Amino acid sequence: MAELHRPVGARGTARPATHSPQTNDRAHHRAQLRAQTHPGAWWLWSLALGTAATRTTNPLLLTLLITVSAYVVTTCRPHTPWSRSYGAFVKLALAVLLIRLLFAVTLGSPLPGTHTLLTLPEVPLPDWAQGIRLGGKVTAETLVFALYDGLKLATLLICVGAANALASPTRLLKSLPGALYETGVAVVVALTFAPHLIADAQRLRAARRLRGRPDRGIRGLFHVGLPVLEGALERSVALAAAMDARGYGRTAQVPPAIRRTTAALTLTGLLGVCAGTYGLLTAEGGTYGLPVLLAGLAAALAGLWLGGRRTPRTRYRPDTWNPRSCLVAASGVAVAALLTLAASTDPTALHPGVIPLVAPALPLWPAAAVLLGLLPAFLTAPPKEPS
């Protein structure tokens, strides 16, 4: 009788290897995470565009930066509630621009101007308030200067809003170093509570309207505000209990020498960053500004790495820096570097004057450098509609 040979431990006939639906789902989820852009890359891209905005007051370049950020946000932001924050930042930027123009009209400006638009009644001020003027002549040069200055700040706010709309707060929190984890949790919780408050207020106002009760005015504010405040307090207590049950705030034991080294490195790094930034902003510190800034950043990063030993934690499916994320961050850094170079080589084009009052011109190669910020719109896959 022929002897039957089969693998050790095998029973019955051999079956082809199959994968369960759970295994396929996990593999698909990992592939999606590898294909996604790292949230840190979006923040680097947005902050680099904001840095580029601080290097110029040319309204054409600033408008081009706003257009680039708006196109990338429209193309790449996911369909999530937190991605709708871009509109709020745009409204805030418009408010800042209007307030800057209002201050220029009411408080005046030391700029001499020859094109008088209107003359407001001037309020006499005491001698100790010299340099401040209320009312008086409002010139076109003053308004144009205020418009350039306010548009620069508005562009910076819109770029920060682009980072909030593109980068997931929870994924960004997961990517923070251990030393900043607790601070990041507090910031994310504070940011996520605001949408809940707005949703509670809208729900309560809709309920009062259905019952025929007033939801506006002082009376409606009290009747809506108190339940919203009560709900926020209950949610805060429940969140605090949940965080305490999960061990939030507990630290590991580290030797005193490491604690002192961490504090020294962090303090030295922050001082180095401040001194290096000041050196880069002044004409006299151009030689030592960049080396001091880099040394300060290295010391601060070393302090953060050592400080992370006090909060040991693991990351479940951490985000990785894939080539797409590196290209997204590099495109923003390239825009900031090229506009910084243009500001030093051709300051007149990037900072148009207002005396005499002339129309600003669009410099060609700085404008082409700004267009490099559109690269993420072609690298990142478009978001999928929620099913």
Protein backbone atom coordinates (compact mmCIF):
# COMPACT_ATOMS: atom_id res chain seq x y z
CA MET A 1 0.00 0.00 0.00
CA ALA A 2 1.43 3.33 -1.01
CA GLU A 3 2.24 5.64 1.83
CA LEU A 4 0.53 9.03 1.79
CA HIS A 5 2.90 11.96 2.37
CA ARG A 6 1.58 15.31 3.54
CA PRO A 7 3.04 18.29 5.47
CA VAL A 8 3.41 17.93 9.19
CA GLY A 9 0.40 19.37 11.01
CA ALA A 10 -1.79 19.41 7.89
CA ARG A 11 -5.27 17.90 8.03
CA GLY A 12 -7.23 16.76 5.02
CA THR A 13 -6.51 18.16 1.62
CA ALA A 14 -4.52 21.33 1.09
CA ARG A 15 -6.50 24.53 0.55
CA PRO A 16 -5.39 27.63 -1.32
CA ALA A 17 -4.34 30.56 0.87
CA THR A 18 -7.08 33.13 1.18
CA HIS A 19 -7.26 36.52 2.87
CA SER A 20 -10.11 37.51 5.13
CA PRO A 21 -12.07 40.72 4.47
CA GLN A 22 -10.56 42.23 7.62
CA THR A 23 -7.03 41.63 6.29
CA ASN A 24 -7.91 43.23 2.96
CA ASP A 25 -9.42 46.23 4.72
CA ARG A 26 -6.31 46.69 6.86
CA ALA A 27 -4.05 46.47 3.82
CA HIS A 28 -6.23 48.97 1.95
CA HIS A 29 -6.15 51.35 4.95
CA ARG A 30 -2.35 51.13 5.15
CA ALA A 31 -2.07 51.86 1.44
CA GLN A 32 -4.31 54.90 1.87
CA LEU A 33 -2.17 56.18 4.76
CA ARG A 34 0.99 55.79 2.69
CA ALA A 35 -0.61 57.70 -0.19
CA GLN A 36 -1.81 60.60 1.97
CA THR A 37 0.17 63.79 2.38
CA HIS A 38 1.75 64.24 5.80
CA PRO A 39 0.01 67.00 7.82
CA GLY A 40 3.38 68.50 8.67
CA ALA A 41 4.02 68.95 4.94
CA TRP A 42 0.84 71.00 4.59
CA TRP A 43 1.88 73.21 7.53
CA LEU A 44 5.37 73.70 6.11
CA TRP A 45 3.88 74.59 2.72
CA SER A 46 1.44 77.08 4.23
CA LEU A 47 3.94 78.70 6.59
CA ALA A 48 6.43 79.02 3.74
CA LEU A 49 3.81 80.86 1.67
CA GLY A 50 3.16 83.09 4.70
CA THR A 51 6.89 83.74 4.99
CA ALA A 52 6.96 84.71 1.32
CA ALA A 53 4.09 87.13 1.98
CA THR A 54 6.14 88.90 4.66
CA ARG A 55 8.92 89.61 2.16
CA THR A 56 6.83 91.83 -0.13
CA THR A 57 4.21 94.55 -0.10
CA ASN A 58 3.48 94.32 -3.81
CA PRO A 59 -0.33 93.88 -4.00
CA LEU A 60 -0.08 91.89 -7.23
CA LEU A 61 2.26 89.31 -5.69
CA LEU A 62 0.18 89.16 -2.51
CA THR A 63 -2.99 88.61 -4.55
CA LEU A 64 -1.19 85.87 -6.47
CA LEU A 65 -0.22 84.17 -3.19
CA ILE A 66 -3.85 84.29 -2.03
CA THR A 67 -5.00 82.83 -5.36
CA VAL A 68 -2.44 80.00 -5.15
CA SER A 69 -3.47 79.05 -1.62
CA ALA A 70 -7.18 79.23 -2.48
CA TYR A 71 -6.76 76.98 -5.54
CA VAL A 72 -4.79 74.37 -3.59
CA VAL A 73 -7.34 74.40 -0.76
CA THR A 74 -10.24 74.04 -3.19
CA THR A 75 -8.53 71.16 -4.98
CA CYS A 76 -6.98 69.21 -2.10
CA ARG A 77 -8.96 69.75 1.09
CA PRO A 78 -10.93 66.72 2.33
CA HIS A 79 -14.68 66.62 2.93
CA THR A 80 -14.53 67.01 6.73
CA PRO A 81 -16.02 69.58 9.13
CA TRP A 82 -12.65 71.03 10.12
CA SER A 83 -11.74 71.67 6.46
CA ARG A 84 -14.39 74.42 6.29
CA SER A 85 -12.29 76.74 8.46
CA TYR A 86 -10.70 78.37 5.40
CA GLY A 87 -13.73 80.63 4.88
CA ALA A 88 -13.52 81.84 8.48
CA PHE A 89 -9.86 82.81 7.99
CA VAL A 90 -10.72 84.65 4.78
CA LYS A 91 -13.39 86.65 6.63
CA LEU A 92 -10.91 87.38 9.42
CA ALA A 93 -8.36 88.59 6.86
CA LEU A 94 -10.94 90.93 5.29
CA ALA A 95 -11.81 92.29 8.74
CA VAL A 96 -8.12 92.93 9.47
CA LEU A 97 -7.73 94.75 6.15
CA LEU A 98 -10.77 96.96 6.82
CA ILE A 99 -9.60 97.75 10.36
CA ARG A 100 -6.17 98.74 9.02
CA LEU A 101 -7.78 101.11 6.52
CA LEU A 102 -10.07 102.52 9.23
CA PHE A 103 -7.09 103.25 11.47
CA ALA A 104 -5.33 104.97 8.58
CA VAL A 105 -8.36 107.22 8.03
CA THR A 106 -9.06 108.09 11.67
CA LEU A 107 -5.54 108.17 13.13
CA GLY A 108 -3.78 109.56 10.11
CA SER A 109 -0.25 108.74 9.00
CA PRO A 110 3.10 110.52 9.11
CA LEU A 111 3.46 110.02 5.36
CA PRO A 112 3.37 113.29 3.44
CA GLY A 113 0.81 113.19 0.66
CA THR A 114 -0.28 115.56 -2.06
CA HIS A 115 -3.50 113.84 -3.22
CA THR A 116 -6.06 114.81 -0.55
CA LEU A 117 -9.23 112.75 -0.71
CA LEU A 118 -11.17 114.28 2.20
CA THR A 119 -10.62 116.30 5.35
CA LEU A 120 -12.06 115.10 8.67
CA PRO A 121 -12.57 117.26 11.75
CA GLU A 122 -9.35 117.10 13.75
CA VAL A 123 -9.56 116.55 17.51
CA PRO A 124 -7.00 118.58 19.49
CA LEU A 125 -4.84 116.39 21.75
CA PRO A 126 -2.61 117.34 24.73
CA ASP A 127 1.13 117.77 24.44
CA TRP A 128 1.93 114.32 25.90
CA ALA A 129 0.09 112.69 22.98
CA GLN A 130 2.36 114.11 20.30
CA GLY A 131 2.70 111.88 17.26
CA ILE A 132 -0.96 110.85 17.45
CA ARG A 133 -3.56 112.60 15.33
CA LEU A 134 -7.32 112.10 15.27
CA GLY A 135 -8.92 113.28 12.06
CA GLY A 136 -7.37 115.71 9.63
CA LYS A 137 -6.46 115.21 6.00
CA VAL A 138 -6.83 111.80 4.42
CA THR A 139 -4.54 111.40 1.43
CA ALA A 140 -4.42 108.75 -1.28
CA GLU A 141 -0.82 107.95 -0.32
CA THR A 142 -1.91 107.12 3.24
CA LEU A 143 -4.68 104.81 2.08
CA VAL A 144 -2.46 103.01 -0.44
CA PHE A 145 0.26 102.49 2.18
CA ALA A 146 -2.31 101.12 4.63
CA LEU A 147 -3.74 98.87 1.90
CA TYR A 148 -0.31 97.39 1.13
CA ASP A 149 0.44 96.85 4.82
CA GLY A 150 -2.96 95.35 5.65
CA LEU A 151 -2.94 93.09 2.58
CA LYS A 152 0.36 91.58 3.72
CA LEU A 153 -1.10 90.64 7.11
CA ALA A 154 -4.31 89.39 5.47
CA THR A 155 -2.29 87.13 3.15
CA LEU A 156 -0.43 85.69 6.13
CA LEU A 157 -3.72 84.88 7.88
CA ILE A 158 -5.15 83.24 4.75
CA CYS A 159 -2.04 81.05 4.42
CA VAL A 160 -2.46 79.91 8.03
CA GLY A 161 -6.12 79.20 7.26
CA ALA A 162 -5.01 77.02 4.34
CA ALA A 163 -2.96 74.88 6.74
CA ASN A 164 -5.97 74.49 9.05
CA ALA A 165 -8.16 73.39 6.14
CA LEU A 166 -5.68 70.93 4.63
CA ALA A 167 -4.02 69.27 7.64
CA SER A 168 -6.05 66.98 9.90
CA PRO A 169 -5.69 68.09 13.56
CA THR A 170 -5.76 64.52 14.88
CA ARG A 171 -3.11 63.32 12.42
CA LEU A 172 -0.97 66.33 13.21
CA LEU A 173 -1.31 65.61 16.93
CA LYS A 174 -0.21 62.03 16.33
CA SER A 175 2.93 63.29 14.56
CA LEU A 176 4.01 65.65 17.35
CA PRO A 177 7.07 64.72 19.44
CA GLY A 178 6.45 63.33 22.89
CA ALA A 179 7.51 66.55 24.64
CA LEU A 180 4.73 68.51 22.89
CA TYR A 181 2.05 65.84 23.05
CA GLU A 182 0.18 67.19 26.09
CA THR A 183 0.30 70.76 24.78
CA GLY A 184 -0.93 69.55 21.39
CA VAL A 185 -3.81 67.66 22.98
CA ALA A 186 -4.88 70.81 24.84
CA VAL A 187 -4.76 72.89 21.66
CA VAL A 188 -6.68 70.31 19.60
CA VAL A 189 -9.34 69.96 22.30
CA ALA A 190 -9.71 73.75 22.48
CA LEU A 191 -10.04 73.99 18.70
CA THR A 192 -12.57 71.18 18.45
CA PHE A 193 -14.78 72.61 21.20
CA ALA A 194 -15.58 75.74 19.18
CA PRO A 195 -17.47 73.86 16.40
CA HIS A 196 -19.44 71.99 19.09
CA LEU A 197 -20.48 75.27 20.71
CA ILE A 198 -21.61 76.68 17.36
CA ALA A 199 -23.56 73.49 16.59
CA ASP A 200 -25.25 73.59 20.03
CA ALA A 201 -26.22 77.23 19.59
CA GLN A 202 -27.70 76.59 16.13
CA ARG A 203 -29.63 73.56 17.40
CA LEU A 204 -31.07 75.49 20.36
CA ARG A 205 -32.03 78.48 18.21
CA ALA A 206 -33.80 76.18 15.74
CA ALA A 207 -35.66 74.49 18.59
CA ARG A 208 -36.81 77.86 19.99
CA ARG A 209 -38.01 78.99 16.57
CA LEU A 210 -40.04 75.80 16.17
CA ARG A 211 -41.69 76.51 19.52
CA GLY A 212 -42.46 80.12 18.54
CA ARG A 213 -40.08 81.62 21.06
CA PRO A 214 -37.64 84.47 20.37
CA ASP A 215 -34.07 83.47 19.55
CA ARG A 216 -32.59 86.93 18.97
CA GLY A 217 -31.86 89.93 21.14
CA ILE A 218 -30.79 90.00 24.78
CA ARG A 219 -33.59 87.68 25.90
CA GLY A 220 -32.84 85.11 23.23
CA LEU A 221 -29.12 85.33 24.05
CA PHE A 222 -29.71 84.43 27.68
CA HIS A 223 -32.11 81.59 26.83
CA VAL A 224 -29.67 80.13 24.29
CA GLY A 225 -26.37 80.98 25.98
CA LEU A 226 -27.06 79.31 29.31
CA PRO A 227 -27.89 75.85 27.88
CA VAL A 228 -24.86 76.10 25.58
CA LEU A 229 -22.63 76.95 28.56
CA GLU A 230 -24.12 74.09 30.58
CA GLY A 231 -23.51 71.65 27.75
CA ALA A 232 -19.92 72.84 27.36
CA LEU A 233 -19.24 72.33 31.08
CA GLU A 234 -20.73 68.83 31.01
CA ARG A 235 -18.68 67.97 27.95
CA SER A 236 -15.53 69.30 29.64
CA VAL A 237 -16.10 67.21 32.77
CA ALA A 238 -16.73 64.07 30.71
CA LEU A 239 -13.63 64.71 28.61
CA ALA A 240 -11.49 65.30 31.70
CA ALA A 241 -12.70 62.01 33.22
CA ALA A 242 -11.99 60.14 29.97
CA MET A 243 -8.49 61.64 29.68
CA ASP A 244 -7.70 60.83 33.30
CA ALA A 245 -8.87 57.24 32.81
CA ARG A 246 -6.51 56.92 29.85
CA GLY A 247 -3.49 58.13 31.82
CA TYR A 248 -3.25 61.65 30.43
CA GLY A 249 -0.73 63.78 32.33
CA ARG A 250 1.27 60.90 33.79
CA THR A 251 5.02 61.08 33.20
CA ALA A 252 7.82 58.56 33.41
CA GLN A 253 10.72 58.76 35.85
CA VAL A 254 13.89 60.19 34.32
CA PRO A 255 17.22 60.94 36.00
CA PRO A 256 17.73 64.52 37.29
CA ALA A 257 20.73 64.99 34.98
CA ILE A 258 18.55 64.41 31.91
CA ARG A 259 15.92 66.85 33.21
CA ARG A 260 18.55 69.56 33.71
CA THR A 261 20.10 68.87 30.30
CA THR A 262 16.67 69.05 28.66
CA ALA A 263 15.87 72.40 30.31
CA ALA A 264 19.27 73.84 29.37
CA LEU A 265 19.03 72.72 25.74
CA THR A 266 15.49 73.99 25.35
CA LEU A 267 16.24 77.39 26.91
CA THR A 268 19.47 77.78 24.93
CA GLY A 269 17.70 76.78 21.72
CA LEU A 270 14.87 79.27 22.19
CA LEU A 271 17.33 82.07 22.93
CA GLY A 272 19.34 81.09 19.85
CA VAL A 273 16.23 81.13 17.66
CA CYS A 274 15.27 84.59 18.95
CA ALA A 275 18.79 85.97 18.46
CA GLY A 276 19.12 84.42 15.00
CA THR A 277 15.72 85.73 13.88
CA TYR A 278 16.62 89.21 15.11
CA GLY A 279 19.91 88.99 13.24
CA LEU A 280 18.18 88.04 10.00
CA LEU A 281 15.71 90.92 10.33
CA THR A 282 18.43 93.55 10.86
CA ALA A 283 21.01 94.70 8.38
CA GLU A 284 23.88 94.44 10.88
CA GLY A 285 23.16 90.83 11.86
CA GLY A 286 23.19 89.33 8.39
CA THR A 287 26.51 87.53 9.02
CA TYR A 288 25.70 85.82 12.31
CA GLY A 289 21.90 85.54 12.03
CA LEU A 290 21.65 82.29 10.04
CA PRO A 291 24.34 80.30 11.96
CA VAL A 292 22.85 81.32 15.33
CA LEU A 293 19.36 80.43 14.12
CA LEU A 294 20.45 76.98 12.92
CA ALA A 295 22.35 76.31 16.16
CA GLY A 296 19.31 77.36 18.19
CA LEU A 297 17.03 75.10 16.18
CA ALA A 298 19.41 72.16 16.68
CA ALA A 299 19.55 72.75 20.45
CA ALA A 300 15.76 73.12 20.68
CA LEU A 301 15.17 69.90 18.71
CA ALA A 302 17.63 68.07 20.97
CA GLY A 303 15.76 69.38 24.01
CA LEU A 304 12.45 68.21 22.55
CA TRP A 305 13.90 64.76 21.86
CA LEU A 306 15.16 64.41 25.43
CA GLY A 307 11.91 65.84 26.82
CA GLY A 308 9.95 63.18 24.97
CA ARG A 309 11.42 60.53 27.28
CA ARG A 310 9.13 61.77 30.06
CA THR A 311 6.01 60.89 28.07
CA PRO A 312 6.59 57.44 26.54
CA ARG A 313 3.85 56.51 24.11
CA THR A 314 3.37 54.44 21.00
CA ARG A 315 1.92 55.45 17.64
CA TYR A 316 -0.64 53.31 15.85
CA ARG A 317 -0.03 53.43 12.12
CA PRO A 318 2.13 56.57 12.16
CA ASP A 319 2.15 58.93 9.20
CA THR A 320 5.25 58.69 7.06
CA TRP A 321 7.00 61.27 4.91
CA ASN A 322 6.49 59.87 1.44
CA PRO A 323 7.98 61.51 -1.67
CA ARG A 324 4.70 63.36 -2.27
CA SER A 325 4.87 65.00 1.17
CA CYS A 326 8.48 66.01 0.61
CA LEU A 327 7.60 67.62 -2.72
CA VAL A 328 4.66 69.51 -1.16
CA ALA A 329 6.88 70.94 1.58
CA ALA A 330 9.71 71.66 -0.87
CA SER A 331 7.41 73.65 -3.18
CA GLY A 332 6.46 76.02 -0.37
CA VAL A 333 10.06 76.37 0.85
CA ALA A 334 11.13 77.16 -2.73
CA VAL A 335 8.56 79.98 -2.94
CA ALA A 336 9.79 81.48 0.35
CA ALA A 337 13.47 81.18 -0.62
CA LEU A 338 13.01 82.70 -4.09
CA LEU A 339 10.95 85.65 -2.79
CA THR A 340 13.52 86.28 -0.06
CA LEU A 341 16.21 86.32 -2.76
CA ALA A 342 14.11 88.66 -4.91
CA ALA A 343 13.57 91.01 -1.96
CA SER A 344 17.35 91.37 -1.53
CA THR A 345 18.22 91.68 -5.23
CA ASP A 346 15.31 93.85 -6.43
CA PRO A 347 13.66 95.51 -3.41
CA THR A 348 11.92 98.15 -5.52
CA ALA A 349 9.84 95.60 -7.41
CA LEU A 350 8.75 93.79 -4.25
CA HIS A 351 8.15 96.98 -2.24
CA PRO A 352 6.54 99.55 -4.56
CA GLY A 353 6.63 103.08 -3.25
CA VAL A 354 3.69 105.32 -2.60
CA ILE A 355 5.53 108.65 -2.85
CA PRO A 356 5.24 109.48 -5.68
CA LEU A 357 2.05 107.48 -6.15
CA VAL A 358 2.58 105.01 -9.01
CA ALA A 359 0.83 101.83 -10.08
CA PRO A 360 2.65 98.64 -8.95
CA ALA A 361 4.20 96.41 -11.59
CA LEU A 362 4.24 92.62 -11.56
CA PRO A 363 7.83 91.30 -11.51
CA LEU A 364 8.05 88.29 -13.80
CA TRP A 365 10.39 85.82 -12.14
CA PRO A 366 9.08 86.40 -8.57
CA ALA A 367 5.57 85.79 -9.95
CA ALA A 368 6.79 82.57 -11.58
CA ALA A 369 8.32 81.58 -8.23
CA VAL A 370 4.94 82.06 -6.52
CA LEU A 371 3.35 79.75 -9.08
CA LEU A 372 5.55 76.93 -7.79
CA GLY A 373 3.17 76.83 -4.83
CA LEU A 374 0.55 75.28 -7.14
CA LEU A 375 2.55 72.03 -7.28
CA PRO A 376 0.54 70.30 -4.46
CA ALA A 377 -2.65 70.70 -6.50
CA PHE A 378 -1.19 68.40 -9.17
CA LEU A 379 0.64 66.02 -6.81
CA THR A 380 -2.16 65.29 -4.34
CA ALA A 381 -5.07 63.09 -5.29
CA PRO A 382 -8.46 64.87 -5.24
CA PRO A 383 -10.56 64.14 -2.15
CA LYS A 384 -13.29 61.54 -2.40
CA GLU A 385 -16.91 62.37 -1.76
CA PRO A 386 -18.25 60.91 1.46
CA SER A 387 -20.28 57.77 0.86
